[in-house]
Amino acid sequence: MRLKDLILWNKDNKELKENSRPLSLFDREFDRLMNGFFSDFHFPVERNETWGKTFQPSINIMENEAEIRIEAELPGLTEKDIEVNLEKNVLSISGEKRIEKKDEKENYRLIESSYGKFCRRIELPDGVNQEGIEAEFKGGLMTIRVPRIEVAKQDIKKIEVKKVE
């Protein structure tokens, strides 16, 4: 074995050698197994070259007697970039965060911004009014209100228990 066979980068062709990613076969097989395992759930498990770099909005879910409130942080997006759907009892928030402009003249040393398609799915409990769901978007924060079905308050009548002799 020659020393240049151990070097992963060749300055002449500027490409990584094929054996530079010994775990890529493992990664693909792992993805296949995990996607098969989680296929019955509402969230796919995907790993790719940008693992950890794709955009995934943070969500908060709060509830009280009247409603369930879902907040999704969607910085850099507008209401036109977002789609909210309800299928059966699953609420989906999806969209795409795009790179607006790529400056070819700039040399980047660090990129922490994340971009790409996203989809968050939330299974709603029974007892919600699906027809009354509302979504609002303001300043990068989307708020979805899911009203609960009002349960009629029953008048409770106390019945006296008499002693029989």
Protein backbone atom coordinates (compact mmCIF):
# COMPACT_ATOMS: atom_id res chain seq x y z
CA MET A 1 0.00 0.00 0.00
CA ARG A 2 1.32 3.39 -0.98
CA LEU A 3 1.01 6.51 1.14
CA LYS A 4 -1.07 8.28 -1.51
CA ASP A 5 -3.65 5.43 -1.31
CA LEU A 6 -4.30 6.46 2.29
CA ILE A 7 -5.00 10.07 1.38
CA LEU A 8 -8.72 10.65 0.89
CA TRP A 9 -8.43 13.75 -1.26
CA ASN A 10 -6.55 14.02 -4.49
CA LYS A 11 -5.63 17.57 -5.42
CA ASP A 12 -5.75 16.72 -9.13
CA ASN A 13 -9.37 15.55 -9.31
CA LYS A 14 -10.61 17.22 -6.10
CA GLU A 15 -12.98 14.36 -5.26
CA LEU A 16 -13.15 12.17 -2.23
CA LYS A 17 -12.22 8.58 -2.81
CA GLU A 18 -15.03 6.05 -2.60
CA ASN A 19 -13.63 4.37 0.54
CA SER A 20 -13.63 7.70 2.40
CA ARG A 21 -17.14 6.96 3.68
CA PRO A 22 -16.88 3.46 5.11
CA LEU A 23 -20.09 3.88 7.10
CA SER A 24 -22.26 5.06 4.19
CA LEU A 25 -23.41 1.49 3.46
CA PHE A 26 -24.21 1.07 7.15
CA ASP A 27 -26.10 4.39 7.15
CA ARG A 28 -28.23 3.35 4.17
CA GLU A 29 -29.03 -0.02 5.73
CA PHE A 30 -29.82 1.62 9.07
CA ASP A 31 -32.17 4.09 7.33
CA ARG A 32 -33.94 1.25 5.54
CA LEU A 33 -34.46 -0.66 8.78
CA MET A 34 -35.63 2.37 10.76
CA ASN A 35 -38.01 3.57 8.04
CA GLY A 36 -39.50 0.08 7.88
CA PHE A 37 -39.88 -0.04 11.65
CA PHE A 38 -41.45 3.42 11.93
CA SER A 39 -43.62 3.19 8.81
CA ASP A 40 -46.76 2.69 10.92
CA PHE A 41 -46.07 5.85 12.91
CA HIS A 42 -46.65 9.42 11.79
CA PHE A 43 -43.00 10.42 11.57
CA PRO A 44 -40.38 9.14 9.15
CA VAL A 45 -36.84 8.68 10.35
CA GLU A 46 -34.42 9.95 7.75
CA ARG A 47 -30.70 10.44 7.89
CA ASN A 48 -28.79 11.96 5.05
CA GLU A 49 -25.65 13.95 4.29
CA THR A 50 -27.22 17.03 5.92
CA TRP A 51 -28.33 15.19 9.07
CA GLY A 52 -28.98 17.86 11.64
CA LYS A 53 -28.89 20.66 9.05
CA THR A 54 -32.41 20.36 7.63
CA PHE A 55 -35.02 22.73 8.97
CA GLN A 56 -37.35 21.30 11.61
CA PRO A 57 -39.64 23.80 13.35
CA SER A 58 -39.93 23.72 17.13
CA ILE A 59 -43.45 23.32 18.47
CA ASN A 60 -45.17 23.90 21.80
CA ILE A 61 -48.50 22.29 22.69
CA MET A 62 -50.63 23.73 25.49
CA GLU A 63 -54.13 22.77 26.55
CA ASN A 64 -56.91 23.85 28.83
CA GLU A 65 -60.58 22.93 29.19
CA ALA A 66 -61.62 25.00 26.16
CA GLU A 67 -58.91 24.28 23.59
CA ILE A 68 -55.58 22.82 22.54
CA ARG A 69 -53.12 25.47 21.32
CA ILE A 70 -50.18 24.56 19.11
CA GLU A 71 -47.40 27.05 18.45
CA ALA A 72 -44.83 26.44 15.71
CA GLU A 73 -41.71 28.58 15.35
CA LEU A 74 -41.26 29.27 11.63
CA PRO A 75 -38.66 32.05 11.31
CA GLY A 76 -38.00 33.37 7.84
CA LEU A 77 -41.27 32.01 6.44
CA THR A 78 -44.57 33.60 5.47
CA GLU A 79 -48.07 32.17 5.65
CA LYS A 80 -47.75 31.35 1.92
CA ASP A 81 -44.82 28.99 2.65
CA ILE A 82 -46.85 26.91 5.13
CA GLU A 83 -49.61 24.35 4.70
CA VAL A 84 -51.78 23.03 7.53
CA ASN A 85 -53.89 19.91 6.89
CA LEU A 86 -56.08 17.63 8.94
CA GLU A 87 -56.40 14.00 7.90
CA LYS A 88 -58.49 11.85 10.20
CA ASN A 89 -57.18 12.89 13.63
CA VAL A 90 -53.69 13.95 12.50
CA LEU A 91 -52.83 17.63 12.08
CA SER A 92 -49.92 18.24 9.65
CA ILE A 93 -47.81 21.38 9.46
CA SER A 94 -45.62 21.36 6.35
CA GLY A 95 -43.72 23.67 4.08
CA GLU A 96 -40.29 24.55 2.83
CA LYS A 97 -37.70 27.01 4.03
CA ARG A 98 -35.74 28.11 0.97
CA ILE A 99 -32.38 29.80 0.58
CA GLU A 100 -33.26 33.17 -0.90
CA LYS A 101 -29.92 34.00 -2.46
CA LYS A 102 -26.68 32.15 -2.79
CA ASP A 103 -23.69 34.42 -3.17
CA GLU A 104 -21.10 32.58 -5.24
CA LYS A 105 -18.48 35.24 -4.49
CA GLU A 106 -18.55 34.64 -0.74
CA ASN A 107 -16.40 32.00 0.91
CA TYR A 108 -18.33 30.55 3.82
CA ARG A 109 -16.48 29.19 6.84
CA LEU A 110 -19.54 28.32 8.90
CA ILE A 111 -23.17 27.81 7.96
CA GLU A 112 -25.56 27.24 10.85
CA SER A 113 -28.77 28.13 9.04
CA SER A 114 -30.93 25.18 8.09
CA TYR A 115 -33.15 24.90 5.04
CA GLY A 116 -35.37 22.37 3.37
CA LYS A 117 -38.80 20.79 3.42
CA PHE A 118 -40.39 19.99 6.74
CA CYS A 119 -43.48 18.24 8.05
CA ARG A 120 -44.62 17.98 11.66
CA ARG A 121 -47.55 15.71 12.46
CA ILE A 122 -49.56 15.89 15.66
CA GLU A 123 -52.20 13.33 16.54
CA LEU A 124 -55.19 15.06 18.08
CA PRO A 125 -57.13 13.44 20.92
CA ASP A 126 -60.81 12.55 20.73
CA GLY A 127 -63.24 15.22 21.82
CA VAL A 128 -62.03 18.10 19.64
CA ASN A 129 -64.07 20.16 17.21
CA GLN A 130 -62.28 19.51 13.91
CA GLU A 131 -64.48 22.00 12.05
CA GLY A 132 -63.47 24.83 14.39
CA ILE A 133 -59.67 24.60 13.96
CA GLU A 134 -58.06 27.98 13.20
CA ALA A 135 -54.48 28.90 12.28
CA GLU A 136 -52.85 32.34 12.56
CA PHE A 137 -49.37 33.46 11.52
CA LYS A 138 -47.52 36.51 12.81
CA GLY A 139 -43.83 37.35 13.05
CA GLY A 140 -42.54 33.83 12.39
CA LEU A 141 -44.91 32.22 14.91
CA MET A 142 -47.89 30.14 13.82
CA THR A 143 -50.62 29.50 16.38
CA ILE A 144 -53.20 26.78 15.77
CA ARG A 145 -56.25 26.65 18.01
CA VAL A 146 -58.15 23.38 18.26
CA PRO A 147 -61.39 23.87 20.21
CA ARG A 148 -62.73 21.09 22.36
CA ILE A 149 -66.28 19.82 21.94
CA GLU A 150 -68.43 21.37 24.62
CA VAL A 151 -69.87 18.78 26.91
CA ALA A 152 -73.27 19.85 28.15
CA LYS A 153 -73.18 20.49 31.84
CA GLN A 154 -75.79 18.36 33.44
CA ASP A 155 -77.91 19.64 36.25
CA ILE A 156 -77.17 17.48 39.22
CA LYS A 157 -80.04 16.84 41.53
CA LYS A 158 -79.27 15.49 44.93
CA ILE A 159 -81.59 12.72 46.00
CA GLU A 160 -82.16 12.27 49.68
CA VAL A 161 -81.71 8.79 51.05
CA LYS A 162 -84.39 7.93 53.63
CA LYS A 163 -84.03 5.46 56.37
CA VAL A 164 -86.63 2.72 56.26
CA GLU A 165 -87.67 1.09 59.51
